[in-house]
Amino acid sequence: MHAVVATVVSAVAAKDKPVDQDTNIVAGWTAFWIFLLLIVAVAVIGYALNRSLRTAARAKDAGVYGDEPAADDDPESPKE
């Protein structure tokens, strides 16, 4: 309870203080664009990882890595 009262009192007291523009530093638009570019970079990396994992899975199923090729479960495909 004491923490809530202290927070409310400090918020009310801070409202009356003048804001010094030299020390009031905000992130701004540059940080916003950097943040968006980071989101895009994570999406691109995730897409590339997904493609690489699918390619590796297809290669494993084909027996490229020394494993037995995966059995074809399609009953309509012709058998050799």
N, C-alpha and C. Protein backbone atom coordinates (compact mmCIF):
# COMPACT_ATOMS: atom_id res chain seq x y z
N MET A 1 0.82 -1.19 0.00
CA MET A 1 0.00 0.00 0.00
C MET A 1 0.86 1.25 0.00
N HIS A 2 1.97 1.17 0.72
CA HIS A 2 2.86 2.32 0.79
C HIS A 2 3.43 2.67 -0.58
N ALA A 3 3.73 1.64 -1.39
CA ALA A 3 4.29 1.88 -2.72
C ALA A 3 3.28 2.58 -3.63
N VAL A 4 2.02 2.22 -3.50
CA VAL A 4 0.98 2.85 -4.32
C VAL A 4 0.85 4.32 -3.97
N VAL A 5 0.84 4.62 -2.68
CA VAL A 5 0.71 6.01 -2.24
C VAL A 5 1.93 6.81 -2.69
N ALA A 6 3.12 6.23 -2.57
CA ALA A 6 4.33 6.93 -2.98
C ALA A 6 4.32 7.21 -4.48
N THR A 7 3.81 6.26 -5.26
CA THR A 7 3.75 6.44 -6.71
C THR A 7 2.78 7.55 -7.07
N VAL A 8 1.63 7.57 -6.44
CA VAL A 8 0.63 8.59 -6.72
C VAL A 8 1.15 9.97 -6.31
N VAL A 9 1.79 10.06 -5.17
CA VAL A 9 2.31 11.35 -4.70
C VAL A 9 3.41 11.84 -5.63
N SER A 10 4.29 10.95 -6.07
CA SER A 10 5.37 11.37 -6.96
C SER A 10 4.83 11.77 -8.33
N ALA A 11 3.77 11.10 -8.79
CA ALA A 11 3.18 11.45 -10.07
C ALA A 11 2.52 12.82 -10.01
N VAL A 12 1.86 13.11 -8.92
CA VAL A 12 1.22 14.42 -8.76
C VAL A 12 2.27 15.51 -8.63
N ALA A 13 3.33 15.24 -7.89
CA ALA A 13 4.39 16.22 -7.71
C ALA A 13 5.15 16.45 -9.01
N ALA A 14 5.33 15.41 -9.82
CA ALA A 14 6.07 15.53 -11.07
C ALA A 14 5.28 16.31 -12.11
N LYS A 15 3.96 16.35 -11.97
CA LYS A 15 3.13 17.06 -12.94
C LYS A 15 3.41 18.55 -12.91
N ASP A 16 3.76 19.08 -11.78
CA ASP A 16 3.97 20.51 -11.65
C ASP A 16 5.37 20.96 -12.01
N LYS A 17 6.31 20.02 -12.18
CA LYS A 17 7.68 20.39 -12.48
C LYS A 17 7.79 20.79 -13.96
N PRO A 18 8.53 21.86 -14.26
CA PRO A 18 8.73 22.21 -15.66
C PRO A 18 9.67 21.20 -16.33
N VAL A 19 9.45 20.97 -17.60
CA VAL A 19 10.25 20.00 -18.36
C VAL A 19 11.39 20.75 -19.03
N ASP A 20 12.62 20.30 -18.75
CA ASP A 20 13.79 20.89 -19.38
C ASP A 20 13.99 20.21 -20.73
N GLN A 21 13.92 20.95 -21.81
CA GLN A 21 14.00 20.36 -23.14
C GLN A 21 15.39 19.82 -23.46
N ASP A 22 16.43 20.30 -22.79
CA ASP A 22 17.78 19.80 -23.05
C ASP A 22 17.99 18.40 -22.48
N THR A 23 17.29 18.05 -21.42
CA THR A 23 17.47 16.74 -20.81
C THR A 23 16.31 15.80 -21.09
N ASN A 24 15.28 16.28 -21.74
CA ASN A 24 14.13 15.45 -22.09
C ASN A 24 14.42 14.76 -23.42
N ILE A 25 15.02 13.58 -23.37
CA ILE A 25 15.44 12.87 -24.57
C ILE A 25 14.44 11.76 -24.85
N VAL A 26 13.94 11.72 -26.08
CA VAL A 26 13.01 10.68 -26.49
C VAL A 26 13.60 9.91 -27.66
N ALA A 27 13.04 8.75 -27.94
CA ALA A 27 13.59 7.89 -28.99
C ALA A 27 13.44 8.51 -30.38
N GLY A 28 12.27 8.99 -30.71
CA GLY A 28 12.06 9.66 -31.99
C GLY A 28 11.79 8.71 -33.14
N TRP A 29 11.69 9.32 -34.33
CA TRP A 29 11.33 8.57 -35.52
C TRP A 29 12.45 7.64 -36.00
N THR A 30 13.69 8.00 -35.77
CA THR A 30 14.80 7.13 -36.19
C THR A 30 14.72 5.79 -35.48
N ALA A 31 14.47 5.81 -34.20
CA ALA A 31 14.36 4.57 -33.44
C ALA A 31 13.14 3.76 -33.90
N PHE A 32 12.07 4.45 -34.26
CA PHE A 32 10.88 3.76 -34.76
C PHE A 32 11.19 3.01 -36.05
N TRP A 33 11.90 3.64 -36.98
CA TRP A 33 12.25 2.99 -38.24
C TRP A 33 13.24 1.85 -38.02
N ILE A 34 14.17 2.02 -37.11
CA ILE A 34 15.10 0.94 -36.78
C ILE A 34 14.34 -0.25 -36.22
N PHE A 35 13.37 0.02 -35.36
CA PHE A 35 12.55 -1.04 -34.78
C PHE A 35 11.78 -1.79 -35.87
N LEU A 36 11.20 -1.06 -36.81
CA LEU A 36 10.48 -1.71 -37.90
C LEU A 36 11.42 -2.53 -38.78
N LEU A 37 12.62 -2.00 -39.05
CA LEU A 37 13.58 -2.76 -39.84
C LEU A 37 14.02 -4.04 -39.13
N LEU A 38 14.13 -3.99 -37.82
CA LEU A 38 14.47 -5.20 -37.07
C LEU A 38 13.37 -6.24 -37.15
N ILE A 39 12.12 -5.79 -37.13
CA ILE A 39 10.99 -6.72 -37.28
C ILE A 39 11.04 -7.37 -38.65
N VAL A 40 11.32 -6.59 -39.70
CA VAL A 40 11.41 -7.13 -41.05
C VAL A 40 12.57 -8.11 -41.15
N ALA A 41 13.71 -7.78 -40.52
CA ALA A 41 14.88 -8.68 -40.55
C ALA A 41 14.55 -10.02 -39.89
N VAL A 42 13.85 -10.01 -38.79
CA VAL A 42 13.48 -11.25 -38.11
C VAL A 42 12.53 -12.07 -39.00
N ALA A 43 11.61 -11.41 -39.68
CA ALA A 43 10.69 -12.12 -40.57
C ALA A 43 11.44 -12.75 -41.74
N VAL A 44 12.40 -12.04 -42.32
CA VAL A 44 13.18 -12.58 -43.44
C VAL A 44 14.03 -13.77 -42.99
N ILE A 45 14.66 -13.65 -41.83
CA ILE A 45 15.47 -14.74 -41.31
C ILE A 45 14.59 -15.96 -41.02
N GLY A 46 13.41 -15.75 -40.46
CA GLY A 46 12.48 -16.86 -40.20
C GLY A 46 12.03 -17.54 -41.48
N TYR A 47 11.77 -16.76 -42.51
CA TYR A 47 11.36 -17.32 -43.80
C TYR A 47 12.50 -18.16 -44.40
N ALA A 48 13.72 -17.63 -44.36
CA ALA A 48 14.87 -18.35 -44.90
C ALA A 48 15.13 -19.64 -44.12
N LEU A 49 15.00 -19.57 -42.79
CA LEU A 49 15.18 -20.77 -41.97
C LEU A 49 14.13 -21.83 -42.31
N ASN A 50 12.91 -21.41 -42.48
CA ASN A 50 11.83 -22.34 -42.82
C ASN A 50 12.11 -23.03 -44.16
N ARG A 51 12.55 -22.26 -45.16
CA ARG A 51 12.87 -22.85 -46.46
C ARG A 51 14.03 -23.82 -46.36
N SER A 52 15.06 -23.46 -45.60
CA SER A 52 16.23 -24.33 -45.45
C SER A 52 15.86 -25.63 -44.76
N LEU A 53 15.03 -25.56 -43.74
CA LEU A 53 14.62 -26.77 -43.04
C LEU A 53 13.76 -27.67 -43.92
N ARG A 54 12.91 -27.07 -44.74
CA ARG A 54 12.11 -27.87 -45.67
C ARG A 54 12.99 -28.55 -46.71
N THR A 55 13.99 -27.82 -47.22
CA THR A 55 14.92 -28.40 -48.19
C THR A 55 15.70 -29.55 -47.57
N ALA A 56 16.16 -29.37 -46.35
CA ALA A 56 16.90 -30.43 -45.66
C ALA A 56 16.01 -31.64 -45.41
N ALA A 57 14.76 -31.42 -45.08
CA ALA A 57 13.83 -32.54 -44.85
C ALA A 57 13.57 -33.30 -46.14
N ARG A 58 13.42 -32.58 -47.26
CA ARG A 58 13.22 -33.26 -48.55
C ARG A 58 14.46 -34.06 -48.94
N ALA A 59 15.65 -33.50 -48.68
CA ALA A 59 16.89 -34.20 -49.00
C ALA A 59 17.03 -35.45 -48.13
N LYS A 60 16.65 -35.35 -46.86
CA LYS A 60 16.72 -36.51 -45.96
C LYS A 60 15.76 -37.59 -46.43
N ASP A 61 14.56 -37.19 -46.83
CA ASP A 61 13.59 -38.16 -47.32
C ASP A 61 14.05 -38.82 -48.62
N ALA A 62 14.85 -38.09 -49.41
CA ALA A 62 15.36 -38.65 -50.67
C ALA A 62 16.58 -39.52 -50.45
N GLY A 63 17.14 -39.55 -49.24
CA GLY A 63 18.27 -40.40 -48.95
C GLY A 63 19.62 -39.75 -49.24
N VAL A 64 19.66 -38.44 -49.34
CA VAL A 64 20.91 -37.74 -49.65
C VAL A 64 21.93 -37.89 -48.54
N TYR A 65 21.50 -37.96 -47.31
CA TYR A 65 22.42 -37.98 -46.17
C TYR A 65 22.79 -39.39 -45.72
N GLY A 66 22.58 -40.38 -46.57
CA GLY A 66 22.96 -41.74 -46.23
C GLY A 66 21.83 -42.56 -45.61
N ASP A 67 20.68 -41.95 -45.39
CA ASP A 67 19.53 -42.68 -44.85
C ASP A 67 18.83 -43.41 -45.99
N GLU A 68 18.00 -44.34 -45.61
CA GLU A 68 17.16 -45.01 -46.61
C GLU A 68 16.13 -44.00 -47.11
N PRO A 69 15.86 -43.98 -48.42
CA PRO A 69 14.82 -43.07 -48.92
C PRO A 69 13.48 -43.39 -48.28
N ALA A 70 12.69 -42.38 -48.04
CA ALA A 70 11.38 -42.56 -47.43
C ALA A 70 10.47 -43.31 -48.39
N ALA A 71 9.64 -44.17 -47.82
CA ALA A 71 8.71 -44.96 -48.64
C ALA A 71 7.64 -44.05 -49.20
N ASP A 72 7.26 -44.32 -50.42
CA ASP A 72 6.19 -43.56 -51.06
C ASP A 72 4.86 -44.15 -50.60
N ASP A 73 4.06 -43.37 -49.90
CA ASP A 73 2.80 -43.87 -49.34
C ASP A 73 1.62 -43.70 -50.29
N ASP A 74 1.85 -43.19 -51.49
CA ASP A 74 0.78 -42.95 -52.44
C ASP A 74 0.40 -44.28 -53.11
N PRO A 75 -0.81 -44.81 -52.86
CA PRO A 75 -1.18 -46.12 -53.44
C PRO A 75 -1.38 -46.07 -54.95
N GLU A 76 -1.59 -44.91 -55.54
CA GLU A 76 -1.86 -44.82 -56.98
C GLU A 76 -0.60 -44.63 -57.79
N SER A 77 0.55 -44.46 -57.15
CA SER A 77 1.77 -44.29 -57.94
C SER A 77 2.22 -45.65 -58.46
N PRO A 78 2.73 -45.69 -59.68
CA PRO A 78 3.14 -46.99 -60.25
C PRO A 78 4.41 -47.50 -59.55
N LYS A 79 4.43 -48.81 -59.32
CA LYS A 79 5.59 -49.45 -58.71
C LYS A 79 6.53 -49.94 -59.81
N GLU A 80 7.80 -49.83 -59.58
CA GLU A 80 8.76 -50.29 -60.58
C GLU A 80 9.16 -51.70 -60.36
